[in-house]
Every structure is written in structure tokens, then in C-alpha cells.
Protein backbone atom coordinates (compact mmCIF):
# COMPACT_ATOMS: atom_id res chain seq x y z
CA MET A 1 -1.40 5.70 -12.50
CA SER A 2 -5.07 5.29 -13.36
CA THR A 3 -7.52 7.87 -14.62
CA ILE A 4 -11.19 8.38 -13.85
CA THR A 5 -13.71 8.90 -16.62
CA PHE A 6 -16.16 11.69 -15.84
CA ASP A 7 -19.29 12.33 -17.92
CA THR A 8 -19.54 16.12 -17.71
CA HIS A 9 -22.69 16.38 -19.79
CA LYS A 10 -24.57 13.96 -17.53
CA PHE A 11 -23.28 15.81 -14.45
CA VAL A 12 -24.48 19.18 -15.81
CA ARG A 13 -27.94 17.71 -16.56
CA ARG A 14 -28.25 16.28 -13.04
CA LEU A 15 -27.27 19.59 -11.49
CA GLN A 16 -29.83 21.41 -13.63
CA GLU A 17 -32.49 18.87 -12.63
CA ALA A 18 -31.60 19.59 -8.99
CA GLY A 19 -32.21 23.33 -9.49
CA PHE A 20 -28.88 24.78 -10.61
CA ASP A 21 -28.99 27.18 -13.54
CA GLU A 22 -26.85 26.36 -16.60
CA LYS A 23 -23.97 28.69 -15.67
CA GLN A 24 -23.75 27.32 -12.10
CA ALA A 25 -23.94 23.73 -13.30
CA GLU A 26 -21.20 24.24 -15.88
CA GLY A 27 -18.97 26.06 -13.38
CA LEU A 28 -19.33 23.31 -10.78
CA THR A 29 -18.75 20.65 -13.43
CA GLU A 30 -15.54 22.34 -14.58
CA ALA A 31 -14.33 22.59 -10.97
CA MET A 32 -15.06 18.88 -10.42
CA ARG A 33 -13.30 17.91 -13.64
CA ALA A 34 -10.22 19.93 -12.67
CA ALA A 35 -10.15 18.36 -9.19
CA ILE A 36 -10.44 14.86 -10.64
CA ASP A 37 -7.69 15.55 -13.20
CA GLU A 38 -5.31 16.59 -10.40
CA THR A 39 -6.00 13.44 -8.39
CA GLU A 40 -3.54 10.57 -8.66
CA LEU A 41 -5.07 7.16 -8.11
CA VAL A 42 -3.01 4.20 -7.05
CA THR A 43 -3.90 0.80 -8.44
CA LYS A 44 -3.20 -2.57 -6.89
CA LYS A 45 -0.45 -3.08 -9.47
CA ASP A 46 1.18 0.23 -8.48
CA LEU A 47 1.22 -0.86 -4.84
CA GLN A 48 2.70 -4.23 -5.71
CA ILE A 49 5.52 -2.57 -7.64
CA GLU A 50 6.28 -0.11 -4.84
CA LEU A 51 6.09 -2.69 -2.04
CA ALA A 52 8.15 -5.41 -3.76
CA PRO A 53 11.49 -4.15 -2.34
CA VAL A 54 9.98 -3.92 1.14
CA LYS A 55 8.74 -7.51 0.91
CA ALA A 56 12.18 -8.67 -0.23
CA ASP A 57 13.82 -6.87 2.69
CA LEU A 58 11.36 -8.43 5.14
CA ASN A 59 12.01 -11.90 3.76
CA LEU A 60 15.76 -11.38 4.14
CA LEU A 61 15.25 -10.07 7.67
CA LYS A 62 13.15 -13.13 8.60
CA TRP A 63 15.86 -15.44 7.23
CA MET A 64 18.58 -13.59 9.14
CA MET A 65 16.60 -13.67 12.40
CA GLY A 66 16.01 -17.39 11.98
CA ALA A 67 19.73 -17.96 11.46
CA LEU A 68 20.58 -15.90 14.55
CA VAL A 69 18.10 -17.83 16.68
CA ALA A 70 19.52 -21.13 15.39
CA ILE A 71 23.07 -20.01 16.21
CA ALA A 72 22.02 -18.86 19.69
CA VAL A 73 20.25 -22.15 20.40
CA ALA A 74 23.26 -24.09 19.15
CA ASN A 75 25.63 -22.07 21.35
CA PHE A 76 23.54 -22.42 24.48
CA SER A 77 22.87 -26.13 24.00
CA LYS A 78 26.44 -27.05 23.04
CA PRO A 79 27.76 -27.59 26.61
CA THR A 80 24.67 -29.57 27.55
CA PHE A 81 24.98 -32.08 24.73
CA LEU A 82 28.74 -32.43 24.78
CA TYR A 83 29.41 -32.49 28.48
CA GLY A 84 26.08 -33.01 30.16
CA TYR A 85 25.27 -31.34 33.44
CA HIS A 86 28.08 -31.72 35.96
CA TYR A 87 27.60 -30.46 39.42
CA PHE A 88 30.83 -30.15 41.36
């Protein structure tokens, strides 16, 4: 999984510029850092690895459905081609 870089010093300065005192700014910064550390990010590569088996299963399913349709068409068209339509 990926990690996020977080500039705590810059964050504290911005909070102080917005009117927070130093203790408040540092407390909020620590809370943000802890929340970010607990977050798990998923990258495109992670998704590709996890979804690869699903894609393989879908490809197999598409192949099997195609084969079933071909068999069904062959079974239904067999009397028509071999014997033609006979009306008695």
C-alpha cells in the first residue's frame, strides 16, 4: 500500500496564521498525522493485482457461454440442415 507524506511543520504554521495558538495547532496536527497514518491507500497496481483473478474468471465464463450458445445453435439447426423442413 502507499503512504502519504505530510509536512507537519508547514501545517502548524498555516494553522497559526489562521489564528490557532501553538498548542492547538500542534494538537490538531498530531491528530491529522495519526489519522493519515491509519489510512490505507490503494494504488492502481494494488487493484490490478486484486482484480486479476476476477478478470480471468470472467474471461473463462465468456468462453464457456460462447461454447454453450454455439452448441445450442448447432443442436437447433441440425434437423433443418440435414432433413430440411418436411410438412406431413
